[in-house]
Amino acid sequence: MLPNDPEAVRAAFLRWTRGDEAAADFLAEIAAIARLADDIVDEDENRQRNVCWLLVRTMTRLPQNVFFNRHLAALAPIIHTVIVQWELSDEWRSSHDALKRQFGFVMREAVGSIVTAVAAICGGYDHAKTTTEDFFELCHAGSRETVEDWMKD
C-alpha cells in the first residue's frame, strides 16, 4: 500500500517516471482506481459514492491522460493482466489448495506491475528494476502480513 503522505507519493511517482508529469498523473489515477475498487469490494460504507468515483476516474479522467493515450497499446495488456490476477487472488484466497492461496496472496499486489511497466517505458530495463525495488521498499517492506492473516480478512 502506498504511504499516506501525498508529497512522498508524488515524489515517488516522479522518480519512477523520470519526471514525466503525465506518467506520474497516470500512476496517481491507477493508484486511486485500485484503492476505490478495493474499497468497493471490502466495504459496504460509501459504496455508491465509490462506484461513482471509480466510473469518473476510469471513464473520464484516465482517457484524458496523455501518457495513457500515448502508450495504450503497451499498457492495456498489462492492465488486463493485473485485473485478472486481482480477481483470481480473491477467488484463490479461500481455495483448499495451499499453493493457490500463496499465489493469490502475491497476485493481489499485481498493480505494482503497472509501476514496473511505466518505469520501463520511461527509462528502460535498469530503471524498471530499480523502480520495482523502490516500490517494494515504499509499499511492502514494512508489512509483516502473512497468507494466513490475509485469508482472515
Protein backbone atom coordinates (compact mmCIF):
# COMPACT_ATOMS: atom_id res chain seq x y z
CA MET A 1 0.00 0.00 0.00
CA LEU A 2 1.21 3.47 -0.78
CA PRO A 3 2.05 5.67 2.21
CA ASN A 4 -0.45 8.27 3.40
CA ASP A 5 1.91 11.17 2.70
CA PRO A 6 0.77 12.72 -0.63
CA GLU A 7 4.07 14.58 -1.13
CA ALA A 8 6.13 11.42 -0.65
CA VAL A 9 3.86 9.52 -3.04
CA ARG A 10 4.06 12.24 -5.70
CA ALA A 11 7.85 12.36 -5.33
CA ALA A 12 7.98 8.57 -5.81
CA PHE A 13 5.76 8.75 -8.90
CA LEU A 14 8.03 11.40 -10.41
CA ARG A 15 11.12 9.38 -9.53
CA TRP A 16 9.64 6.25 -11.12
CA THR A 17 8.64 8.17 -14.27
CA ARG A 18 11.87 10.16 -14.54
CA GLY A 19 9.96 13.39 -14.09
CA ASP A 20 7.28 12.71 -16.70
CA GLU A 21 4.31 14.56 -15.20
CA ALA A 22 1.72 12.80 -17.39
CA ALA A 23 3.14 9.39 -16.47
CA ALA A 24 3.12 10.37 -12.78
CA ASP A 25 -0.50 11.52 -13.15
CA PHE A 26 -1.31 8.16 -14.78
CA LEU A 27 0.18 6.30 -11.80
CA ALA A 28 -1.82 8.53 -9.44
CA GLU A 29 -5.02 7.65 -11.30
CA ILE A 30 -4.18 3.94 -11.25
CA ALA A 31 -3.49 4.13 -7.51
CA ALA A 32 -6.81 5.90 -6.88
CA ILE A 33 -8.70 3.44 -9.10
CA ALA A 34 -7.13 0.45 -7.34
CA ARG A 35 -7.96 1.90 -3.92
CA LEU A 36 -11.58 2.59 -4.94
CA ALA A 37 -12.01 -0.91 -6.39
CA ASP A 38 -10.61 -2.44 -3.21
CA ASP A 39 -12.89 -0.28 -1.04
CA ILE A 40 -15.93 -1.29 -3.10
CA VAL A 41 -15.12 -4.96 -2.57
CA ASP A 42 -14.18 -4.67 1.10
CA GLU A 43 -16.57 -2.06 2.49
CA ASP A 44 -20.32 -1.50 2.43
CA GLU A 45 -19.94 2.08 3.60
CA ASN A 46 -19.86 4.71 0.83
CA ARG A 47 -20.22 2.05 -1.86
CA GLN A 48 -22.40 4.21 -4.14
CA ARG A 49 -20.01 7.16 -3.87
CA ASN A 50 -17.00 4.91 -4.53
CA VAL A 51 -18.62 3.33 -7.58
CA CYS A 52 -19.36 6.80 -8.97
CA TRP A 53 -15.78 7.94 -8.36
CA LEU A 54 -14.47 4.75 -9.95
CA LEU A 55 -16.58 5.41 -13.03
CA VAL A 56 -15.47 9.04 -13.22
CA ARG A 57 -11.82 8.09 -12.97
CA THR A 58 -11.96 5.24 -15.48
CA MET A 59 -14.32 6.81 -17.98
CA THR A 60 -13.36 10.49 -17.91
CA ARG A 61 -10.01 11.10 -16.20
CA LEU A 62 -7.94 8.17 -17.41
CA PRO A 63 -8.89 8.58 -21.10
CA GLN A 64 -7.70 12.20 -20.94
CA ASN A 65 -4.23 11.29 -19.68
CA VAL A 66 -1.61 11.91 -22.37
CA PHE A 67 0.74 9.16 -21.17
CA PHE A 68 -2.08 6.61 -21.09
CA ASN A 69 -3.15 7.50 -24.62
CA ARG A 70 0.38 7.54 -26.00
CA HIS A 71 1.18 4.10 -24.56
CA LEU A 72 -2.25 2.45 -24.59
CA ALA A 73 -1.12 -0.44 -26.79
CA ALA A 74 1.58 -1.37 -24.27
CA LEU A 75 -0.45 -0.62 -21.14
CA ALA A 76 -3.77 -2.30 -21.98
CA PRO A 77 -2.49 -5.92 -21.84
CA ILE A 78 -0.69 -5.20 -18.56
CA ILE A 79 -3.82 -3.63 -17.07
CA HIS A 80 -5.86 -6.65 -18.19
CA THR A 81 -3.32 -8.98 -16.59
CA VAL A 82 -3.45 -7.04 -13.33
CA ILE A 83 -7.25 -7.19 -13.27
CA VAL A 84 -7.26 -10.94 -13.95
CA GLN A 85 -4.72 -11.55 -11.19
CA TRP A 86 -6.59 -9.32 -8.73
CA GLU A 87 -9.86 -11.16 -9.43
CA LEU A 88 -8.23 -14.59 -9.13
CA SER A 89 -6.43 -13.61 -5.94
CA ASP A 90 -9.76 -13.04 -4.25
CA GLU A 91 -11.13 -16.34 -5.57
CA TRP A 92 -8.00 -18.23 -4.54
CA ARG A 93 -8.00 -16.78 -1.03
CA SER A 94 -10.45 -19.48 0.08
CA SER A 95 -9.02 -22.32 -2.03
CA HIS A 96 -8.33 -25.68 -0.42
CA ASP A 97 -5.05 -25.69 -2.36
CA ALA A 98 -2.32 -24.05 -0.24
CA LEU A 99 -0.24 -23.20 -3.31
CA LYS A 100 -3.18 -21.35 -4.88
CA ARG A 101 -3.61 -19.38 -1.65
CA GLN A 102 0.07 -18.41 -1.73
CA PHE A 103 -0.15 -17.32 -5.36
CA GLY A 104 -3.36 -15.41 -4.60
CA PHE A 105 -1.62 -13.60 -1.74
CA VAL A 106 1.08 -12.37 -4.12
CA MET A 107 -1.19 -11.72 -7.11
CA ARG A 108 -3.39 -9.34 -5.10
CA GLU A 109 -0.49 -6.87 -5.39
CA ALA A 110 -0.22 -7.20 -9.18
CA VAL A 111 -0.96 -3.50 -9.61
CA GLY A 112 2.76 -3.00 -8.93
CA SER A 113 3.35 -4.47 -12.39
CA ILE A 114 1.87 -1.30 -13.84
CA VAL A 115 4.50 0.72 -11.96
CA THR A 116 7.22 -1.53 -13.40
CA ALA A 117 5.81 -1.18 -16.92
CA VAL A 118 5.59 2.60 -16.68
CA ALA A 119 9.15 2.77 -15.39
CA ALA A 120 10.31 0.58 -18.31
CA ILE A 121 8.54 2.87 -20.78
CA CYS A 122 10.10 5.95 -19.17
CA GLY A 123 13.59 4.65 -18.56
CA GLY A 124 14.25 1.13 -19.81
CA TYR A 125 15.09 -2.13 -18.10
CA ASP A 126 17.54 -0.93 -15.45
CA HIS A 127 15.24 1.90 -14.40
CA ALA A 128 12.30 -0.54 -14.21
CA LYS A 129 14.30 -2.87 -11.98
CA THR A 130 15.41 -0.05 -9.67
CA THR A 131 11.86 1.29 -9.57
CA THR A 132 10.43 -2.10 -8.67
CA GLU A 133 12.87 -2.34 -5.74
CA ASP A 134 11.93 1.20 -4.66
CA PHE A 135 8.22 0.41 -4.99
CA PHE A 136 8.62 -2.66 -2.79
CA GLU A 137 10.51 -0.71 -0.13
CA LEU A 138 7.94 2.08 -0.12
CA CYS A 139 4.82 -0.08 -0.19
CA HIS A 140 5.59 -3.51 1.22
CA ALA A 141 8.88 -3.78 3.12
CA GLY A 142 7.34 -2.85 6.47
CA SER A 143 4.44 -5.29 6.19
CA ARG A 144 4.51 -8.49 8.17
CA GLU A 145 1.16 -9.74 6.86
CA THR A 146 1.10 -13.45 6.16
CA VAL A 147 -1.09 -15.54 3.86
CA GLU A 148 -3.00 -16.65 6.97
CA ASP A 149 -3.61 -13.03 8.02
CA TRP A 150 -4.89 -12.21 4.54
CA MET A 151 -7.23 -15.20 4.50
CA LYS A 152 -8.92 -13.96 7.70
CA ASP A 153 -9.87 -10.61 6.14
